[in-house]
Amino acid sequence: MRVLMPVPDRDFDITEVAVPWRLLTDAGHRVVFATERAGTRPAGDPRLLRGVLFGQLGAAEEPKRFYEELTRSEEFRTTVGWAELAPENYDGLILPGGHAPGMRQYLGSEVLRRQISRFWALRRPVGAICHGVLVLARARAASDGRSVLADRRTTCLPKYMERSAYLATAWRLGRYYRTYPAYVEDEVRAALDDPARQFARGPRVLAARGTAADDTPAFVVQDGSYLSARWPGDAYLFGRRFRALLEAAPH
């Protein structure tokens, strides 16, 4: 099956893109990358490859290896443009995250939001992780103008995670971990009809990440054909659950 994954030109999260890509392609599915302009060769956040601060806080070794494999793949060299997308040509959609400045191109695109709303209306599997949930929170349904997430259960990057990363690194990196003045969780909650009932923060974690062999620290929320996760530490569980959702969906 064909899964669409929009990304910015630069600064997306290495793990949140490379792990789902690897899990889906290993299962025989095709991931199609979309950038603002067709043919752009995108690049992940370089700090996550070398370590955000003193070699720490970056991606783990296996996701970095997956990313290197991804950069050599045909699909990474032949991206499609956001404006030219035909949502009906895809069986699933994944919206990855990232927090560095280059992400604003993707998170703030009205063109991309309109395309996401069109795909959402097809009721096919949609997965969003971390800042990727913001794209859905900001996308409006053509039927009533509300956020497409208005009546859904969801998670996203929790405020305590975003704030902790910012406070730990601001002395050296400034607002690197604060993509926008508002916290991701606050904006997502504001898009929901009943945030107290619909928003799930998940177990409190700061460092422990899920891996290919251990989902214990990971957390995702599924509501029908929609799957959400909090941060790179959920990427393996997110990728596996999205693959199962995709393969179980009617086609």
C-alpha atoms as a PDB file:
ATOM      1  CA  MET A   1       0.000   0.000   0.000  1.00  0.00           C
ATOM      2  CA  ARG A   2       1.006   3.623  -0.509  1.00  0.00           C
ATOM      3  CA  VAL A   3       1.530   5.832   2.553  1.00  0.00           C
ATOM      4  CA  LEU A   4       1.991   9.572   2.205  1.00  0.00           C
ATOM      5  CA  MET A   5       4.469  11.302   4.522  1.00  0.00           C
ATOM      6  CA  PRO A   6       4.769  15.112   4.167  1.00  0.00           C
ATOM      7  CA  VAL A   7       7.958  16.705   5.547  1.00  0.00           C
ATOM      8  CA  PRO A   8       9.573  20.162   5.546  1.00  0.00           C
ATOM      9  CA  ASP A   9      12.690  20.865   3.513  1.00  0.00           C
ATOM     10  CA  ARG A  10      14.793  20.565   6.673  1.00  0.00           C
ATOM     11  CA  ASP A  11      14.737  19.977  10.437  1.00  0.00           C
ATOM     12  CA  PHE A  12      12.218  17.131  10.786  1.00  0.00           C
ATOM     13  CA  ASP A  13      12.795  14.606  13.566  1.00  0.00           C
ATOM     14  CA  ILE A  14      15.103  11.798  12.435  1.00  0.00           C
ATOM     15  CA  THR A  15      13.452   9.043  14.478  1.00  0.00           C
ATOM     16  CA  GLU A  16       9.844  10.011  13.787  1.00  0.00           C
ATOM     17  CA  VAL A  17      10.442   9.803  10.042  1.00  0.00           C
ATOM     18  CA  ALA A  18      12.976   7.001   9.672  1.00  0.00           C
ATOM     19  CA  VAL A  19      11.499   4.412  12.048  1.00  0.00           C
ATOM     20  CA  PRO A  20       7.966   4.333  10.552  1.00  0.00           C
ATOM     21  CA  TRP A  21       9.514   4.409   7.063  1.00  0.00           C
ATOM     22  CA  ARG A  22      11.681   1.380   7.872  1.00  0.00           C
ATOM     23  CA  LEU A  23       8.851  -0.602   9.491  1.00  0.00           C
ATOM     24  CA  LEU A  24       6.444   0.073   6.630  1.00  0.00           C
ATOM     25  CA  THR A  25       8.895  -0.633   3.826  1.00  0.00           C
ATOM     26  CA  ASP A  26      10.085  -3.813   5.535  1.00  0.00           C
ATOM     27  CA  ALA A  27       6.450  -4.956   5.413  1.00  0.00           C
ATOM     28  CA  GLY A  28       6.319  -4.325   1.663  1.00  0.00           C
ATOM     29  CA  HIS A  29       4.498  -0.990   1.674  1.00  0.00           C
ATOM     30  CA  ARG A  30       5.623   2.139  -0.165  1.00  0.00           C
ATOM     31  CA  VAL A  31       6.168   5.480   1.586  1.00  0.00           C
ATOM     32  CA  VAL A  32       5.824   8.547  -0.651  1.00  0.00           C
ATOM     33  CA  PHE A  33       7.466  11.704   0.697  1.00  0.00           C
ATOM     34  CA  ALA A  34       5.956  15.108  -0.044  1.00  0.00           C
ATOM     35  CA  THR A  35       7.732  18.466   0.223  1.00  0.00           C
ATOM     36  CA  GLU A  36       6.497  21.960  -0.518  1.00  0.00           C
ATOM     37  CA  ARG A  37       8.041  21.805  -4.001  1.00  0.00           C
ATOM     38  CA  ALA A  38       8.282  18.532  -5.913  1.00  0.00           C
ATOM     39  CA  GLY A  39      11.769  17.105  -6.253  1.00  0.00           C
ATOM     40  CA  THR A  40      13.180  18.731  -3.136  1.00  0.00           C
ATOM     41  CA  ARG A  41      15.612  16.473  -1.297  1.00  0.00           C
ATOM     42  CA  PRO A  42      14.699  16.989   2.376  1.00  0.00           C
ATOM     43  CA  ALA A  43      17.016  16.777   5.376  1.00  0.00           C
ATOM     44  CA  GLY A  44      16.413  15.960   9.017  1.00  0.00           C
ATOM     45  CA  ASP A  45      17.494  18.036  11.998  1.00  0.00           C
ATOM     46  CA  PRO A  46      21.323  17.775  11.989  1.00  0.00           C
ATOM     47  CA  ARG A  47      21.551  18.258  15.756  1.00  0.00           C
ATOM     48  CA  LEU A  48      19.703  14.968  16.234  1.00  0.00           C
ATOM     49  CA  LEU A  49      22.406  13.182  14.259  1.00  0.00           C
ATOM     50  CA  ARG A  50      25.399  14.558  16.156  1.00  0.00           C
ATOM     51  CA  GLY A  51      23.776  15.175  19.563  1.00  0.00           C
ATOM     52  CA  VAL A  52      21.859  18.241  20.643  1.00  0.00           C
ATOM     53  CA  LEU A  53      24.073  19.219  23.555  1.00  0.00           C
ATOM     54  CA  PHE A  54      27.504  17.734  24.332  1.00  0.00           C
ATOM     55  CA  GLY A  55      26.643  14.747  22.146  1.00  0.00           C
ATOM     56  CA  GLN A  56      23.481  13.966  24.140  1.00  0.00           C
ATOM     57  CA  LEU A  57      19.707  14.230  23.485  1.00  0.00           C
ATOM     58  CA  GLY A  58      19.982  13.124  19.852  1.00  0.00           C
ATOM     59  CA  ALA A  59      18.538  10.161  17.994  1.00  0.00           C
ATOM     60  CA  ALA A  60      19.513   6.625  19.000  1.00  0.00           C
ATOM     61  CA  GLU A  61      21.947   4.649  16.853  1.00  0.00           C
ATOM     62  CA  GLU A  62      19.421   2.425  15.074  1.00  0.00           C
ATOM     63  CA  PRO A  63      17.125   5.289  13.951  1.00  0.00           C
ATOM     64  CA  LYS A  64      20.219   7.171  12.748  1.00  0.00           C
ATOM     65  CA  ARG A  65      21.184   4.135  10.681  1.00  0.00           C
ATOM     66  CA  PHE A  66      17.655   3.943   9.273  1.00  0.00           C
ATOM     67  CA  TYR A  67      17.889   7.631   8.354  1.00  0.00           C
ATOM     68  CA  GLU A  68      21.144   7.096   6.486  1.00  0.00           C
ATOM     69  CA  GLU A  69      19.460   4.294   4.530  1.00  0.00           C
ATOM     70  CA  LEU A  70      16.507   6.568   3.854  1.00  0.00           C
ATOM     71  CA  THR A  71      18.687   9.345   2.422  1.00  0.00           C
ATOM     72  CA  ARG A  72      19.997   6.890  -0.182  1.00  0.00           C
ATOM     73  CA  SER A  73      16.528   5.664  -1.180  1.00  0.00           C
ATOM     74  CA  GLU A  74      14.700   6.478  -4.403  1.00  0.00           C
ATOM     75  CA  GLU A  75      11.634   7.829  -2.585  1.00  0.00           C
ATOM     76  CA  PHE A  76      13.732  10.454  -0.838  1.00  0.00           C
ATOM     77  CA  ARG A  77      15.028  11.750  -4.156  1.00  0.00           C
ATOM     78  CA  THR A  78      11.646  11.910  -5.891  1.00  0.00           C
ATOM     79  CA  THR A  79       9.376  13.836  -3.532  1.00  0.00           C
ATOM     80  CA  VAL A  80       5.967  15.084  -4.673  1.00  0.00           C
ATOM     81  CA  GLY A  81       4.736  18.645  -4.103  1.00  0.00           C
ATOM     82  CA  TRP A  82       2.101  19.512  -1.505  1.00  0.00           C
ATOM     83  CA  ALA A  83      -0.091  21.485  -3.911  1.00  0.00           C
ATOM     84  CA  GLU A  84      -0.130  18.675  -6.494  1.00  0.00           C
ATOM     85  CA  LEU A  85      -1.145  15.906  -4.106  1.00  0.00           C
ATOM     86  CA  ALA A  86      -4.155  13.735  -4.919  1.00  0.00           C
ATOM     87  CA  PRO A  87      -5.160  12.387  -1.476  1.00  0.00           C
ATOM     88  CA  GLU A  88      -7.298   9.617  -2.953  1.00  0.00           C
ATOM     89  CA  ASN A  89      -4.149   8.012  -4.378  1.00  0.00           C
ATOM     90  CA  TYR A  90      -2.858   7.073  -0.917  1.00  0.00           C
ATOM     91  CA  ASP A  91      -3.954   4.390   1.521  1.00  0.00           C
ATOM     92  CA  GLY A  92      -2.550   6.070   4.629  1.00  0.00           C
ATOM     93  CA  LEU A  93      -1.019   9.292   5.918  1.00  0.00           C
ATOM     94  CA  ILE A  94       1.719   9.847   8.509  1.00  0.00           C
ATOM     95  CA  LEU A  95       2.486  13.288   9.943  1.00  0.00           C
ATOM     96  CA  PRO A  96       5.883  13.263  11.695  1.00  0.00           C
ATOM     97  CA  GLY A  97       7.169  15.926  14.031  1.00  0.00           C
ATOM     98  CA  GLY A  98      10.248  17.910  14.874  1.00  0.00           C
ATOM     99  CA  HIS A  99      10.850  21.123  16.788  1.00  0.00           C
ATOM    100  CA  ALA A 100      13.726  23.009  15.086  1.00  0.00           C
ATOM    101  CA  PRO A 101      12.980  26.232  13.119  1.00  0.00           C
ATOM    102  CA  GLY A 102      12.719  24.563   9.701  1.00  0.00           C
ATOM    103  CA  MET A 103       9.585  22.751  10.883  1.00  0.00           C
ATOM    104  CA  ARG A 104       7.535  25.955  10.650  1.00  0.00           C
ATOM    105  CA  GLN A 105       7.407  25.582   6.847  1.00  0.00           C
ATOM    106  CA  TYR A 106       5.419  22.358   7.315  1.00  0.00           C
ATOM    107  CA  LEU A 107       3.487  23.181  10.468  1.00  0.00           C
ATOM    108  CA  GLY A 108       2.341  26.545   9.139  1.00  0.00           C
ATOM    109  CA  SER A 109       1.403  25.645   5.548  1.00  0.00           C
ATOM    110  CA  GLU A 110      -2.193  26.444   4.578  1.00  0.00           C
ATOM    111  CA  VAL A 111      -1.734  24.422   1.381  1.00  0.00           C
ATOM    112  CA  LEU A 112      -0.728  21.336   3.319  1.00  0.00           C
ATOM    113  CA  ARG A 113      -3.570  21.754   5.806  1.00  0.00           C
ATOM    114  CA  ARG A 114      -6.124  21.806   2.978  1.00  0.00           C
ATOM    115  CA  GLN A 115      -4.663  18.607   1.553  1.00  0.00           C
ATOM    116  CA  ILE A 116      -4.657  16.960   4.984  1.00  0.00           C
ATOM    117  CA  SER A 117      -8.316  17.896   5.446  1.00  0.00           C
ATOM    118  CA  ARG A 118      -9.137  16.284   2.104  1.00  0.00           C
ATOM    119  CA  PHE A 119      -7.349  13.091   3.120  1.00  0.00           C
ATOM    120  CA  TRP A 120      -9.009  13.083   6.555  1.00  0.00           C
ATOM    121  CA  ALA A 121     -12.430  13.153   4.875  1.00  0.00           C
ATOM    122  CA  LEU A 122     -11.595   9.851   3.151  1.00  0.00           C
ATOM    123  CA  ARG A 123     -11.570   8.129   6.574  1.00  0.00           C
ATOM    124  CA  ARG A 124      -8.376   6.256   5.806  1.00  0.00           C
ATOM    125  CA  PRO A 125      -5.629   5.621   8.402  1.00  0.00           C
ATOM    126  CA  VAL A 126      -3.918   8.780   9.678  1.00  0.00           C
ATOM    127  CA  GLY A 127      -0.997   8.756  12.097  1.00  0.00           C
ATOM    128  CA  ALA A 128       0.564  11.807  13.768  1.00  0.00           C
ATOM    129  CA  ILE A 129       3.414  11.996  16.250  1.00  0.00           C
ATOM    130  CA  CYS A 130       4.740  14.837  18.420  1.00  0.00           C
ATOM    131  CA  HIS A 131       4.488  18.208  16.586  1.00  0.00           C
ATOM    132  CA  GLY A 132       2.802  16.406  13.683  1.00  0.00           C
ATOM    133  CA  VAL A 133      -0.436  16.479  15.692  1.00  0.00           C
ATOM    134  CA  LEU A 134      -0.369  20.289  15.316  1.00  0.00           C
ATOM    135  CA  VAL A 135      -0.992  19.917  11.585  1.00  0.00           C
ATOM    136  CA  LEU A 136      -4.250  18.122  12.341  1.00  0.00           C
ATOM    137  CA  ALA A 137      -5.206  20.509  15.133  1.00  0.00           C
ATOM    138  CA  ARG A 138      -4.848  23.379  12.644  1.00  0.00           C
ATOM    139  CA  ALA A 139      -6.566  21.621   9.722  1.00  0.00           C
ATOM    140  CA  ARG A 140     -10.226  22.512   9.262  1.00  0.00           C
ATOM    141  CA  ALA A 141     -13.014  20.231   8.082  1.00  0.00           C
ATOM    142  CA  ALA A 142     -14.753  21.530   4.968  1.00  0.00           C
ATOM    143  CA  SER A 143     -18.136  20.554   6.407  1.00  0.00           C
ATOM    144  CA  ASP A 144     -18.151  22.760   9.510  1.00  0.00           C
ATOM    145  CA  GLY A 145     -14.857  24.665   9.715  1.00  0.00           C
ATOM    146  CA  ARG A 146     -13.848  22.993  12.973  1.00  0.00           C
ATOM    147  CA  SER A 147     -10.507  21.297  13.583  1.00  0.00           C
ATOM    148  CA  VAL A 148     -10.520  17.767  12.205  1.00  0.00           C
ATOM    149  CA  LEU A 149      -9.490  16.681  15.713  1.00  0.00           C
ATOM    150  CA  ALA A 150     -12.432  18.402  17.411  1.00  0.00           C
ATOM    151  CA  ASP A 151     -14.198  15.179  18.384  1.00  0.00           C
ATOM    152  CA  ARG A 152     -11.215  12.790  18.538  1.00  0.00           C
ATOM    153  CA  ARG A 153      -9.123  11.353  21.327  1.00  0.00           C
ATOM    154  CA  THR A 154      -5.454  12.196  20.904  1.00  0.00           C
ATOM    155  CA  THR A 155      -2.067  12.697  22.446  1.00  0.00           C
ATOM    156  CA  CYS A 156       0.855  14.877  21.304  1.00  0.00           C
ATOM    157  CA  LEU A 157       4.108  16.233  22.723  1.00  0.00           C
ATOM    158  CA  PRO A 158       3.247  16.825  26.413  1.00  0.00           C
ATOM    159  CA  LYS A 159       3.894  20.265  27.840  1.00  0.00           C
ATOM    160  CA  TYR A 160       6.178  18.933  30.586  1.00  0.00           C
ATOM    161  CA  MET A 161       8.461  17.330  27.965  1.00  0.00           C
ATOM    162  CA  GLU A 162       8.640  20.451  25.806  1.00  0.00           C
ATOM    163  CA  ARG A 163       9.238  22.694  28.820  1.00  0.00           C
ATOM    164  CA  SER A 164      11.887  20.407  30.356  1.00  0.00           C
ATOM    165  CA  ALA A 165      13.888  20.205  27.107  1.00  0.00           C
ATOM    166  CA  TYR A 166      13.708  23.973  26.690  1.00  0.00           C
ATOM    167  CA  LEU A 167      14.779  24.775  30.255  1.00  0.00           C
ATOM    168  CA  ALA A 168      17.672  22.304  30.078  1.00  0.00           C
ATOM    169  CA  THR A 169      19.112  23.758  26.864  1.00  0.00           C
ATOM    170  CA  ALA A 170      18.015  27.398  26.585  1.00  0.00           C
ATOM    171  CA  TRP A 171      21.283  28.685  28.076  1.00  0.00           C
ATOM    172  CA  ARG A 172      23.093  27.315  25.030  1.00  0.00           C
ATOM    173  CA  LEU A 173      20.484  26.828  22.287  1.00  0.00           C
ATOM    174  CA  GLY A 174      17.932  29.555  22.985  1.00  0.00           C
ATOM    175  CA  ARG A 175      14.452  28.637  21.768  1.00  0.00           C
ATOM    176  CA  TYR A 176      15.565  25.570  19.801  1.00  0.00           C
ATOM    177  CA  TYR A 177      13.030  23.425  21.684  1.00  0.00           C
ATOM    178  CA  ARG A 178      10.230  26.013  21.521  1.00  0.00           C
ATOM    179  CA  THR A 179       8.926  26.016  17.962  1.00  0.00           C
ATOM    180  CA  TYR A 180       6.124  28.441  18.822  1.00  0.00           C
ATOM    181  CA  PRO A 181       5.293  30.661  21.824  1.00  0.00           C
ATOM    182  CA  ALA A 182       2.381  28.339  22.660  1.00  0.00           C
ATOM    183  CA  TYR A 183       3.134  24.845  23.857  1.00  0.00           C
ATOM    184  CA  VAL A 184       2.084  22.040  21.493  1.00  0.00           C
ATOM    185  CA  GLU A 185      -0.170  20.488  24.120  1.00  0.00           C
ATOM    186  CA  ASP A 186      -1.972  23.778  24.771  1.00  0.00           C
ATOM    187  CA  GLU A 187      -2.754  24.319  21.091  1.00  0.00           C
ATOM    188  CA  VAL A 188      -3.900  20.739  20.564  1.00  0.00           C
ATOM    189  CA  ARG A 189      -6.128  20.816  23.640  1.00  0.00           C
ATOM    190  CA  ALA A 190      -7.670  24.088  22.442  1.00  0.00           C
ATOM    191  CA  ALA A 191      -8.752  22.342  19.218  1.00  0.00           C
ATOM    192  CA  LEU A 192     -10.725  19.657  21.093  1.00  0.00           C
ATOM    193  CA  ASP A 193     -14.377  19.831  22.066  1.00  0.00           C
ATOM    194  CA  ASP A 194     -13.732  18.325  25.502  1.00  0.00           C
ATOM    195  CA  PRO A 195      -9.976  18.296  26.218  1.00  0.00           C
ATOM    196  CA  ALA A 196     -10.380  16.875  29.727  1.00  0.00           C
ATOM    197  CA  ARG A 197     -11.937  13.759  28.221  1.00  0.00           C
ATOM    198  CA  GLN A 198     -10.223  13.609  24.834  1.00  0.00           C
ATOM    199  CA  PHE A 199      -6.594  14.467  25.556  1.00  0.00           C
ATOM    200  CA  ALA A 200      -4.327  11.693  26.887  1.00  0.00           C
ATOM    201  CA  ARG A 201      -0.920  12.749  28.207  1.00  0.00           C
ATOM    202  CA  GLY A 202       0.308   9.217  28.852  1.00  0.00           C
ATOM    203  CA  PRO A 203       2.736   7.984  31.536  1.00  0.00           C
ATOM    204  CA  ARG A 204       5.315  10.527  32.638  1.00  0.00           C
ATOM    205  CA  VAL A 205       8.712   9.862  31.025  1.00  0.00           C
ATOM    206  CA  LEU A 206      11.759  12.018  30.341  1.00  0.00           C
ATOM    207  CA  ALA A 207      14.439   9.699  28.985  1.00  0.00           C
ATOM    208  CA  ALA A 208      13.255   6.080  28.557  1.00  0.00           C
ATOM    209  CA  ARG A 209      12.400   5.294  24.931  1.00  0.00           C
ATOM    210  CA  GLY A 210      10.704   2.389  23.268  1.00  0.00           C
ATOM    211  CA  THR A 211      12.876   0.250  21.005  1.00  0.00           C
ATOM    212  CA  ALA A 212      12.468  -2.433  18.368  1.00  0.00           C
ATOM    213  CA  ALA A 213      12.325  -4.998  21.179  1.00  0.00           C
ATOM    214  CA  ASP A 214      10.680  -3.115  24.070  1.00  0.00           C
ATOM    215  CA  ASP A 215       7.509  -1.021  23.992  1.00  0.00           C
ATOM    216  CA  THR A 216       7.307  -0.623  27.769  1.00  0.00           C
ATOM    217  CA  PRO A 217       8.072   3.141  27.889  1.00  0.00           C
ATOM    218  CA  ALA A 218       6.061   3.906  24.732  1.00  0.00           C
ATOM    219  CA  PHE A 219       2.529   5.259  24.473  1.00  0.00           C
ATOM    220  CA  VAL A 220       0.052   5.796  21.624  1.00  0.00           C
ATOM    221  CA  VAL A 221      -3.644   6.653  21.374  1.00  0.00           C
ATOM    222  CA  GLN A 222      -5.922   5.122  18.755  1.00  0.00           C
ATOM    223  CA  ASP A 223      -9.349   6.518  17.954  1.00  0.00           C
ATOM    224  CA  GLY A 224     -10.861   4.698  14.998  1.00  0.00           C
ATOM    225  CA  SER A 225      -8.621   5.213  11.981  1.00  0.00           C
ATOM    226  CA  TYR A 226      -6.541   7.869  13.774  1.00  0.00           C
ATOM    227  CA  LEU A 227      -3.354   7.062  15.692  1.00  0.00           C
ATOM    228  CA  SER A 228      -1.263   9.548  17.677  1.00  0.00           C
ATOM    229  CA  ALA A 229       1.954   9.421  19.692  1.00  0.00           C
ATOM    230  CA  ARG A 230       3.946  11.824  21.878  1.00  0.00           C
ATOM    231  CA  TRP A 231       7.628  11.916  20.918  1.00  0.00           C
ATOM    232  CA  PRO A 232      10.491   9.943  19.309  1.00  0.00           C
ATOM    233  CA  GLY A 233      10.442   7.501  22.213  1.00  0.00           C
ATOM    234  CA  ASP A 234       7.086   6.210  20.908  1.00  0.00           C
ATOM    235  CA  ALA A 235       8.199   5.811  17.277  1.00  0.00           C
ATOM    236  CA  TYR A 236       8.598   2.013  17.169  1.00  0.00           C
ATOM    237  CA  LEU A 237       5.229   1.318  18.789  1.00  0.00           C
ATOM    238  CA  PHE A 238       3.663   4.037  16.635  1.00  0.00           C
ATOM    239  CA  GLY A 239       5.117   2.515  13.461  1.00  0.00           C
ATOM    240  CA  ARG A 240       3.954  -0.994  14.316  1.00  0.00           C
ATOM    241  CA  ARG A 241       0.462   0.111  15.326  1.00  0.00           C
ATOM    242  CA  PHE A 242       0.089   2.251  12.227  1.00  0.00           C
ATOM    243  CA  ARG A 243       1.162  -0.662  10.041  1.00  0.00           C
ATOM    244  CA  ALA A 244      -1.483  -2.856  11.679  1.00  0.00           C
ATOM    245  CA  LEU A 245      -4.112  -0.132  11.221  1.00  0.00           C
ATOM    246  CA  LEU A 246      -3.183   0.234   7.560  1.00  0.00           C
ATOM    247  CA  GLU A 247      -3.299  -3.495   6.866  1.00  0.00           C
ATOM    248  CA  ALA A 248      -6.649  -3.921   8.641  1.00  0.00           C
ATOM    249  CA  ALA A 249      -8.351  -1.043   6.834  1.00  0.00           C
ATOM    250  CA  PRO A 250     -10.807  -1.810   3.988  1.00  0.00           C
ATOM    251  CA  HIS A 251      -9.396  -1.055   0.528  1.00  0.00           C
END
